[in-house]
Amino acid sequence: MQALYAAAAVSLLVSVVVDRKRTWQALQVTVRKLRRILPGYLHLLILLSFVLLVSDAMIVRLLGSANPWLGLGAGLAIGSITMIPGFISYPLAGVLVEQGVRLMVVAGFVTSLMMVGVVTLPVERAYFGTRLALLRNGVALLIALLISVVMGLAYGEWA
């Protein structure tokens, strides 16, 4: 990460040397855009901090229900609402499978976690508009459901 910061600093210095006026204009545009996106981004960070309070044991309890459809619904809902990076969600999926959660439920949870963004919806609405943001999330949720059903069929987990 420090290499990226260093590369950005060197690039900024080169830009100042080449054309100071255009660099200053670009920095002003950047600050204006940052001011516009910052409130939505701060809301996102606040919501993410609450997500970190949810423990693995609580997720296993919610997803490992005896009824596979209830577990799948919970997995899709929890995955849609939370926002966890891939390097955390994939090991979490392994823990869920080890704890006995059905693969179709884990597939629904992880797929909706990666594709559906209820938490990021305000930012998406600002950039894409309400209709497109809702459409994208709805289609992503349907795809997550389809993937889960295929996984359930492939592994014989229908009950």
N, C-alpha and C. Protein backbone atom coordinates (compact mmCIF):
# COMPACT_ATOMS: atom_id res chain seq x y z
N MET A 1 0.82 -1.18 0.00
CA MET A 1 0.00 0.00 0.00
C MET A 1 0.87 1.25 0.00
N GLN A 2 1.98 1.18 0.70
CA GLN A 2 2.86 2.34 0.75
C GLN A 2 3.46 2.64 -0.61
N ALA A 3 3.67 1.60 -1.41
CA ALA A 3 4.19 1.80 -2.76
C ALA A 3 3.19 2.58 -3.61
N LEU A 4 1.90 2.32 -3.41
CA LEU A 4 0.87 3.07 -4.15
C LEU A 4 0.86 4.54 -3.73
N TYR A 5 1.00 4.79 -2.44
CA TYR A 5 1.06 6.17 -1.96
C TYR A 5 2.29 6.88 -2.54
N ALA A 6 3.40 6.19 -2.54
CA ALA A 6 4.63 6.78 -3.10
C ALA A 6 4.46 7.06 -4.59
N ALA A 7 3.86 6.12 -5.32
CA ALA A 7 3.64 6.32 -6.76
C ALA A 7 2.70 7.50 -7.00
N ALA A 8 1.68 7.64 -6.18
CA ALA A 8 0.75 8.77 -6.32
C ALA A 8 1.46 10.09 -6.04
N ALA A 9 2.30 10.11 -5.01
CA ALA A 9 3.04 11.34 -4.68
C ALA A 9 4.00 11.72 -5.79
N VAL A 10 4.72 10.75 -6.34
CA VAL A 10 5.65 11.02 -7.44
C VAL A 10 4.88 11.51 -8.66
N SER A 11 3.75 10.88 -8.96
CA SER A 11 2.94 11.30 -10.11
C SER A 11 2.43 12.73 -9.93
N LEU A 12 2.03 13.07 -8.72
CA LEU A 12 1.56 14.43 -8.44
C LEU A 12 2.69 15.43 -8.64
N LEU A 13 3.88 15.08 -8.16
CA LEU A 13 5.03 15.98 -8.33
C LEU A 13 5.37 16.17 -9.81
N VAL A 14 5.34 15.10 -10.57
CA VAL A 14 5.60 15.19 -12.01
C VAL A 14 4.56 16.08 -12.67
N SER A 15 3.30 15.90 -12.27
CA SER A 15 2.23 16.71 -12.83
C SER A 15 2.41 18.19 -12.51
N VAL A 16 2.83 18.50 -11.31
CA VAL A 16 3.08 19.90 -10.92
C VAL A 16 4.20 20.49 -11.76
N VAL A 17 5.25 19.72 -11.98
CA VAL A 17 6.38 20.21 -12.77
C VAL A 17 5.96 20.44 -14.22
N VAL A 18 5.15 19.52 -14.78
CA VAL A 18 4.75 19.62 -16.19
C VAL A 18 3.78 20.78 -16.40
N ASP A 19 2.74 20.86 -15.57
CA ASP A 19 1.74 21.92 -15.74
C ASP A 19 1.07 22.22 -14.41
N ARG A 20 1.58 23.24 -13.73
CA ARG A 20 1.11 23.58 -12.39
C ARG A 20 -0.36 23.98 -12.39
N LYS A 21 -0.78 24.75 -13.38
CA LYS A 21 -2.16 25.25 -13.43
C LYS A 21 -3.16 24.11 -13.59
N ARG A 22 -2.93 23.19 -14.52
CA ARG A 22 -3.85 22.07 -14.73
C ARG A 22 -3.86 21.13 -13.52
N THR A 23 -2.71 20.97 -12.88
CA THR A 23 -2.66 20.13 -11.67
C THR A 23 -3.51 20.75 -10.58
N TRP A 24 -3.43 22.05 -10.40
CA TRP A 24 -4.22 22.75 -9.38
C TRP A 24 -5.72 22.60 -9.69
N GLN A 25 -6.10 22.74 -10.97
CA GLN A 25 -7.49 22.57 -11.37
C GLN A 25 -7.97 21.14 -11.09
N ALA A 26 -7.14 20.17 -11.39
CA ALA A 26 -7.49 18.77 -11.15
C ALA A 26 -7.67 18.51 -9.65
N LEU A 27 -6.82 19.09 -8.83
CA LEU A 27 -6.95 18.92 -7.37
C LEU A 27 -8.23 19.57 -6.86
N GLN A 28 -8.61 20.70 -7.43
CA GLN A 28 -9.86 21.35 -7.02
C GLN A 28 -11.07 20.49 -7.38
N VAL A 29 -11.07 19.90 -8.58
CA VAL A 29 -12.15 19.01 -8.99
C VAL A 29 -12.21 17.80 -8.06
N THR A 30 -11.04 17.27 -7.71
CA THR A 30 -10.97 16.11 -6.83
C THR A 30 -11.57 16.42 -5.46
N VAL A 31 -11.25 17.57 -4.92
CA VAL A 31 -11.78 17.95 -3.60
C VAL A 31 -13.29 18.12 -3.68
N ARG A 32 -13.80 18.73 -4.75
CA ARG A 32 -15.26 18.88 -4.89
C ARG A 32 -15.95 17.51 -4.96
N LYS A 33 -15.38 16.59 -5.73
CA LYS A 33 -15.98 15.25 -5.83
C LYS A 33 -15.89 14.51 -4.50
N LEU A 34 -14.78 14.67 -3.79
CA LEU A 34 -14.64 14.03 -2.49
C LEU A 34 -15.68 14.55 -1.51
N ARG A 35 -15.93 15.85 -1.53
CA ARG A 35 -16.95 16.43 -0.65
C ARG A 35 -18.33 15.87 -0.97
N ARG A 36 -18.60 15.60 -2.25
CA ARG A 36 -19.90 15.08 -2.66
C ARG A 36 -20.08 13.63 -2.23
N ILE A 37 -19.03 12.83 -2.31
CA ILE A 37 -19.16 11.40 -2.02
C ILE A 37 -18.93 11.09 -0.53
N LEU A 38 -18.27 11.96 0.19
CA LEU A 38 -17.88 11.68 1.58
C LEU A 38 -19.06 11.36 2.50
N PRO A 39 -20.19 12.08 2.46
CA PRO A 39 -21.29 11.72 3.37
C PRO A 39 -21.79 10.28 3.16
N GLY A 40 -21.98 9.90 1.92
CA GLY A 40 -22.41 8.52 1.66
C GLY A 40 -21.39 7.51 2.10
N TYR A 41 -20.13 7.81 1.88
CA TYR A 41 -19.06 6.90 2.28
C TYR A 41 -18.98 6.79 3.80
N LEU A 42 -19.16 7.88 4.51
CA LEU A 42 -19.14 7.83 5.98
C LEU A 42 -20.32 7.01 6.51
N HIS A 43 -21.50 7.15 5.88
CA HIS A 43 -22.63 6.30 6.29
C HIS A 43 -22.29 4.83 6.10
N LEU A 44 -21.65 4.54 4.99
CA LEU A 44 -21.24 3.17 4.70
C LEU A 44 -20.27 2.65 5.76
N LEU A 45 -19.31 3.45 6.15
CA LEU A 45 -18.35 3.03 7.18
C LEU A 45 -19.03 2.82 8.53
N ILE A 46 -19.99 3.66 8.85
CA ILE A 46 -20.71 3.50 10.12
C ILE A 46 -21.51 2.20 10.11
N LEU A 47 -22.21 1.91 9.01
CA LEU A 47 -22.96 0.66 8.92
C LEU A 47 -22.03 -0.55 8.98
N LEU A 48 -20.87 -0.46 8.34
CA LEU A 48 -19.92 -1.57 8.38
C LEU A 48 -19.40 -1.82 9.78
N SER A 49 -19.24 -0.78 10.56
CA SER A 49 -18.75 -0.98 11.92
C SER A 49 -19.76 -1.78 12.75
N PHE A 50 -21.06 -1.61 12.48
CA PHE A 50 -22.07 -2.42 13.18
C PHE A 50 -22.03 -3.87 12.72
N VAL A 51 -21.72 -4.09 11.47
CA VAL A 51 -21.65 -5.45 10.93
C VAL A 51 -20.56 -6.24 11.64
N LEU A 52 -19.48 -5.58 12.01
CA LEU A 52 -18.37 -6.27 12.67
C LEU A 52 -18.76 -6.81 14.05
N LEU A 53 -19.89 -6.36 14.59
CA LEU A 53 -20.34 -6.85 15.89
C LEU A 53 -20.99 -8.23 15.80
N VAL A 54 -21.35 -8.65 14.59
CA VAL A 54 -22.00 -9.94 14.41
C VAL A 54 -20.94 -11.05 14.46
N SER A 55 -21.14 -12.01 15.34
CA SER A 55 -20.14 -13.07 15.53
C SER A 55 -20.38 -14.24 14.57
N ASP A 56 -19.35 -15.05 14.38
CA ASP A 56 -19.47 -16.25 13.56
C ASP A 56 -20.52 -17.21 14.13
N ALA A 57 -20.56 -17.33 15.46
CA ALA A 57 -21.50 -18.26 16.10
C ALA A 57 -22.94 -17.84 15.82
N MET A 58 -23.21 -16.54 15.82
CA MET A 58 -24.56 -16.06 15.56
C MET A 58 -24.95 -16.37 14.10
N ILE A 59 -24.01 -16.19 13.19
CA ILE A 59 -24.29 -16.48 11.78
C ILE A 59 -24.57 -17.97 11.60
N VAL A 60 -23.78 -18.83 12.25
CA VAL A 60 -23.99 -20.28 12.15
C VAL A 60 -25.36 -20.64 12.69
N ARG A 61 -25.78 -20.04 13.78
CA ARG A 61 -27.09 -20.31 14.37
C ARG A 61 -28.22 -19.92 13.41
N LEU A 62 -28.07 -18.77 12.77
CA LEU A 62 -29.11 -18.30 11.86
C LEU A 62 -29.18 -19.12 10.57
N LEU A 63 -28.02 -19.52 10.06
CA LEU A 63 -27.99 -20.21 8.77
C LEU A 63 -28.15 -21.72 8.88
N GLY A 64 -27.84 -22.28 10.01
CA GLY A 64 -27.86 -23.74 10.16
C GLY A 64 -29.19 -24.30 10.59
N SER A 65 -30.26 -23.65 10.22
CA SER A 65 -31.58 -24.10 10.63
C SER A 65 -31.91 -25.46 9.99
N ALA A 66 -32.82 -26.20 10.63
CA ALA A 66 -33.21 -27.52 10.12
C ALA A 66 -33.94 -27.40 8.78
N ASN A 67 -34.68 -26.33 8.59
CA ASN A 67 -35.39 -26.09 7.34
C ASN A 67 -34.44 -25.43 6.34
N PRO A 68 -34.09 -26.10 5.25
CA PRO A 68 -33.12 -25.53 4.31
C PRO A 68 -33.60 -24.23 3.66
N TRP A 69 -34.91 -24.10 3.46
CA TRP A 69 -35.44 -22.87 2.83
C TRP A 69 -35.35 -21.69 3.79
N LEU A 70 -35.56 -21.95 5.06
CA LEU A 70 -35.42 -20.89 6.06
C LEU A 70 -33.95 -20.46 6.16
N GLY A 71 -33.05 -21.45 6.17
CA GLY A 71 -31.62 -21.14 6.20
C GLY A 71 -31.18 -20.39 4.95
N LEU A 72 -31.71 -20.80 3.79
CA LEU A 72 -31.36 -20.12 2.54
C LEU A 72 -31.87 -18.68 2.55
N GLY A 73 -33.10 -18.50 3.00
CA GLY A 73 -33.65 -17.13 3.09
C GLY A 73 -32.83 -16.26 4.02
N ALA A 74 -32.44 -16.84 5.16
CA ALA A 74 -31.61 -16.09 6.11
C ALA A 74 -30.24 -15.80 5.50
N GLY A 75 -29.69 -16.77 4.79
CA GLY A 75 -28.38 -16.57 4.16
C GLY A 75 -28.42 -15.47 3.12
N LEU A 76 -29.46 -15.49 2.28
CA LEU A 76 -29.59 -14.45 1.26
C LEU A 76 -29.80 -13.08 1.91
N ALA A 77 -30.62 -13.03 2.95
CA ALA A 77 -30.89 -11.76 3.63
C ALA A 77 -29.65 -11.22 4.33
N ILE A 78 -28.97 -12.08 5.09
CA ILE A 78 -27.78 -11.63 5.81
C ILE A 78 -26.68 -11.23 4.84
N GLY A 79 -26.50 -12.03 3.80
CA GLY A 79 -25.49 -11.71 2.80
C GLY A 79 -25.78 -10.41 2.07
N SER A 80 -27.06 -10.12 1.83
CA SER A 80 -27.43 -8.90 1.13
C SER A 80 -27.21 -7.66 1.99
N ILE A 81 -27.40 -7.81 3.28
CA ILE A 81 -27.31 -6.67 4.18
C ILE A 81 -25.87 -6.39 4.60
N THR A 82 -25.09 -7.43 4.83
CA THR A 82 -23.74 -7.24 5.32
C THR A 82 -22.78 -6.95 4.18
N MET A 83 -21.61 -6.50 4.55
CA MET A 83 -20.57 -6.22 3.56
C MET A 83 -19.25 -6.67 4.17
N ILE A 84 -18.78 -7.80 3.70
CA ILE A 84 -17.55 -8.38 4.21
C ILE A 84 -16.65 -8.63 3.00
N PRO A 85 -15.38 -8.26 3.09
CA PRO A 85 -14.49 -8.52 1.94
C PRO A 85 -14.27 -10.01 1.71
N GLY A 86 -13.91 -10.35 0.47
CA GLY A 86 -13.73 -11.74 0.08
C GLY A 86 -12.73 -12.49 0.92
N PHE A 87 -11.64 -11.84 1.30
CA PHE A 87 -10.62 -12.55 2.07
C PHE A 87 -11.09 -12.91 3.46
N ILE A 88 -12.21 -12.37 3.90
CA ILE A 88 -12.82 -12.78 5.17
C ILE A 88 -14.00 -13.71 4.92
N SER A 89 -14.78 -13.42 3.88
CA SER A 89 -16.00 -14.21 3.66
C SER A 89 -15.72 -15.63 3.22
N TYR A 90 -14.67 -15.86 2.44
CA TYR A 90 -14.40 -17.24 1.99
C TYR A 90 -13.95 -18.13 3.14
N PRO A 91 -13.04 -17.69 4.02
CA PRO A 91 -12.75 -18.53 5.20
C PRO A 91 -13.98 -18.70 6.10
N LEU A 92 -14.82 -17.65 6.19
CA LEU A 92 -16.05 -17.77 6.96
C LEU A 92 -16.95 -18.84 6.36
N ALA A 93 -17.01 -18.91 5.04
CA ALA A 93 -17.79 -19.96 4.37
C ALA A 93 -17.27 -21.33 4.75
N GLY A 94 -15.95 -21.48 4.82
CA GLY A 94 -15.37 -22.75 5.24
C GLY A 94 -15.77 -23.11 6.66
N VAL A 95 -15.78 -22.13 7.55
CA VAL A 95 -16.19 -22.36 8.94
C VAL A 95 -17.67 -22.77 8.97
N LEU A 96 -18.49 -22.12 8.17
CA LEU A 96 -19.91 -22.46 8.14
C LEU A 96 -20.13 -23.89 7.68
N VAL A 97 -19.39 -24.31 6.65
CA VAL A 97 -19.52 -25.69 6.15
C VAL A 97 -19.05 -26.67 7.22
N GLU A 98 -17.95 -26.34 7.90
CA GLU A 98 -17.45 -27.22 8.97
C GLU A 98 -18.46 -27.33 10.11
N GLN A 99 -19.24 -26.27 10.35
CA GLN A 99 -20.22 -26.27 11.42
C GLN A 99 -21.52 -26.98 11.01
N GLY A 100 -21.58 -27.46 9.77
CA GLY A 100 -22.74 -28.22 9.33
C GLY A 100 -23.79 -27.43 8.57
N VAL A 101 -23.50 -26.21 8.20
CA VAL A 101 -24.45 -25.43 7.40
C VAL A 101 -24.45 -25.99 5.99
N ARG A 102 -25.62 -26.15 5.39
CA ARG A 102 -25.74 -26.73 4.05
C ARG A 102 -24.99 -25.88 3.03
N LEU A 103 -24.43 -26.57 2.03
CA LEU A 103 -23.68 -25.88 0.98
C LEU A 103 -24.55 -24.90 0.21
N MET A 104 -25.81 -25.23 -0.03
CA MET A 104 -26.66 -24.30 -0.77
C MET A 104 -26.91 -23.02 0.02
N VAL A 105 -26.98 -23.14 1.34
CA VAL A 105 -27.16 -21.95 2.19
C VAL A 105 -25.88 -21.11 2.18
N VAL A 106 -24.74 -21.78 2.30
CA VAL A 106 -23.46 -21.07 2.27
C VAL A 106 -23.26 -20.40 0.91
N ALA A 107 -23.64 -21.09 -0.17
CA ALA A 107 -23.52 -20.51 -1.51
C ALA A 107 -24.39 -19.26 -1.62
N GLY A 108 -25.61 -19.33 -1.12
CA GLY A 108 -26.49 -18.16 -1.15
C GLY A 108 -25.95 -17.01 -0.32
N PHE A 109 -25.43 -17.34 0.85
CA PHE A 109 -24.86 -16.33 1.73
C PHE A 109 -23.68 -15.62 1.07
N VAL A 110 -22.71 -16.40 0.60
CA VAL A 110 -21.49 -15.82 0.04
C VAL A 110 -21.79 -15.09 -1.28
N THR A 111 -22.64 -15.68 -2.12
CA THR A 111 -22.94 -15.04 -3.40
C THR A 111 -23.67 -13.72 -3.19
N SER A 112 -24.64 -13.70 -2.31
CA SER A 112 -25.35 -12.43 -2.05
C SER A 112 -24.43 -11.44 -1.33
N LEU A 113 -23.52 -11.96 -0.52
CA LEU A 113 -22.55 -11.10 0.16
C LEU A 113 -21.67 -10.35 -0.84
N MET A 114 -21.28 -11.05 -1.90
CA MET A 114 -20.40 -10.44 -2.90
C MET A 114 -21.16 -9.60 -3.92
N MET A 115 -22.42 -9.97 -4.21
CA MET A 115 -23.11 -9.35 -5.35
C MET A 115 -24.18 -8.33 -4.97
N VAL A 116 -24.84 -8.52 -3.84
CA VAL A 116 -25.96 -7.65 -3.46
C VAL A 116 -25.45 -6.66 -2.43
N GLY A 117 -25.84 -5.41 -2.55
CA GLY A 117 -25.33 -4.40 -1.64
C GLY A 117 -26.40 -3.50 -1.07
N VAL A 118 -27.11 -3.96 -0.06
CA VAL A 118 -28.09 -3.10 0.59
C VAL A 118 -27.38 -1.96 1.31
N VAL A 119 -26.24 -2.25 1.91
CA VAL A 119 -25.48 -1.23 2.63
C VAL A 119 -24.93 -0.18 1.67
N THR A 120 -24.54 -0.60 0.49
CA THR A 120 -23.96 0.34 -0.48
C THR A 120 -25.02 1.00 -1.37
N LEU A 121 -26.29 0.68 -1.16
CA LEU A 121 -27.35 1.20 -2.00
C LEU A 121 -27.39 2.73 -2.06
N PRO A 122 -27.21 3.46 -0.96
CA PRO A 122 -27.22 4.92 -1.07
C PRO A 122 -26.13 5.47 -2.01
N VAL A 123 -24.96 4.86 -1.97
CA VAL A 123 -23.88 5.30 -2.85
C VAL A 123 -24.20 4.93 -4.29
N GLU A 124 -24.72 3.72 -4.50
CA GLU A 124 -25.11 3.30 -5.85
C GLU A 124 -26.19 4.20 -6.42
N ARG A 125 -27.16 4.56 -5.58
CA ARG A 125 -28.23 5.44 -6.05
C ARG A 125 -27.69 6.78 -6.48
N ALA A 126 -26.70 7.28 -5.76
CA ALA A 126 -26.12 8.58 -6.12
C ALA A 126 -25.42 8.53 -7.46
N TYR A 127 -24.80 7.42 -7.79
CA TYR A 127 -24.05 7.32 -9.04
C TYR A 127 -24.86 6.78 -10.20
N PHE A 128 -25.71 5.78 -9.95
CA PHE A 128 -26.43 5.11 -11.03
C PHE A 128 -27.89 5.51 -11.13
N GLY A 129 -28.42 6.12 -10.09
CA GLY A 129 -29.85 6.41 -10.04
C GLY A 129 -30.57 5.30 -9.31
N THR A 130 -31.73 5.63 -8.77
CA THR A 130 -32.48 4.68 -7.95
C THR A 130 -32.91 3.45 -8.75
N ARG A 131 -33.45 3.68 -9.93
CA ARG A 131 -33.98 2.56 -10.71
C ARG A 131 -32.90 1.54 -11.06
N LEU A 132 -31.77 2.01 -11.56
CA LEU A 132 -30.70 1.10 -11.96
C LEU A 132 -30.07 0.40 -10.74
N ALA A 133 -29.92 1.14 -9.63
CA ALA A 133 -29.35 0.53 -8.42
C ALA A 133 -30.25 -0.59 -7.90
N LEU A 134 -31.55 -0.34 -7.87
CA LEU A 134 -32.49 -1.37 -7.41
C LEU A 134 -32.54 -2.54 -8.38
N LEU A 135 -32.50 -2.25 -9.67
CA LEU A 135 -32.50 -3.31 -10.68
C LEU A 135 -31.26 -4.18 -10.56
N ARG A 136 -30.11 -3.55 -10.39
CA ARG A 136 -28.86 -4.31 -10.26
C ARG A 136 -28.90 -5.20 -9.03
N ASN A 137 -29.36 -4.67 -7.91
CA ASN A 137 -29.43 -5.47 -6.69
C ASN A 137 -30.46 -6.58 -6.79
N GLY A 138 -31.60 -6.31 -7.42
CA GLY A 138 -32.61 -7.34 -7.60
C GLY A 138 -32.14 -8.48 -8.47
N VAL A 139 -31.49 -8.14 -9.59
CA VAL A 139 -30.96 -9.18 -10.48
C VAL A 139 -29.87 -9.97 -9.77
N ALA A 140 -29.02 -9.29 -9.02
CA ALA A 140 -27.96 -9.97 -8.27
C ALA A 140 -28.55 -10.94 -7.25
N LEU A 141 -29.64 -10.53 -6.59
CA LEU A 141 -30.28 -11.42 -5.62
C LEU A 141 -30.88 -12.64 -6.31
N LEU A 142 -31.49 -12.45 -7.46
CA LEU A 142 -32.03 -13.58 -8.21
C LEU A 142 -30.93 -14.54 -8.66
N ILE A 143 -29.80 -13.99 -9.09
CA ILE A 143 -28.67 -14.83 -9.49
C ILE A 143 -28.14 -15.61 -8.28
N ALA A 144 -28.06 -14.96 -7.14
CA ALA A 144 -27.60 -15.65 -5.92
C ALA A 144 -28.55 -16.78 -5.56
N LEU A 145 -29.85 -16.54 -5.70
CA LEU A 145 -30.83 -17.59 -5.43
C LEU A 145 -30.67 -18.74 -6.42
N LEU A 146 -30.50 -18.42 -7.68
CA LEU A 146 -30.31 -19.45 -8.71
C LEU A 146 -29.07 -20.30 -8.43
N ILE A 147 -27.98 -19.65 -8.09
CA ILE A 147 -26.74 -20.37 -7.77
C ILE A 147 -26.96 -21.29 -6.57
N SER A 148 -27.69 -20.81 -5.57
CA SER A 148 -27.96 -21.63 -4.38
C SER A 148 -28.79 -22.86 -4.72
N VAL A 149 -29.81 -22.66 -5.55
CA VAL A 149 -30.67 -23.79 -5.94
C VAL A 149 -29.86 -24.81 -6.73
N VAL A 150 -29.02 -24.35 -7.64
CA VAL A 150 -28.18 -25.26 -8.42
C VAL A 150 -27.24 -26.03 -7.49
N MET A 151 -26.66 -25.34 -6.51
CA MET A 151 -25.80 -26.02 -5.53
C MET A 151 -26.58 -27.05 -4.73
N GLY A 152 -27.80 -26.71 -4.34
CA GLY A 152 -28.63 -27.66 -3.61
C GLY A 152 -28.95 -28.89 -4.43
N LEU A 153 -29.24 -28.69 -5.71
CA LEU A 153 -29.50 -29.82 -6.60
C LEU A 153 -28.24 -30.65 -6.81
N ALA A 154 -27.12 -29.98 -7.02
CA ALA A 154 -25.87 -30.69 -7.30
C ALA A 154 -25.41 -31.53 -6.13
N TYR A 155 -25.66 -31.07 -4.91
CA TYR A 155 -25.20 -31.79 -3.73
C TYR A 155 -26.33 -32.53 -3.00
N GLY A 156 -27.50 -32.60 -3.62
CA GLY A 156 -28.60 -33.38 -3.05
C GLY A 156 -29.06 -32.89 -1.71
N GLU A 157 -29.14 -31.60 -1.52
CA GLU A 157 -29.50 -31.04 -0.22
C GLU A 157 -30.98 -30.63 -0.13
N TRP A 158 -31.80 -31.08 -1.03
CA TRP A 158 -33.22 -30.75 -0.95
C TRP A 158 -33.87 -31.59 0.13
N ALA A 159 -34.64 -30.94 0.96
CA ALA A 159 -35.32 -31.69 2.01
C ALA A 159 -36.80 -31.38 2.02
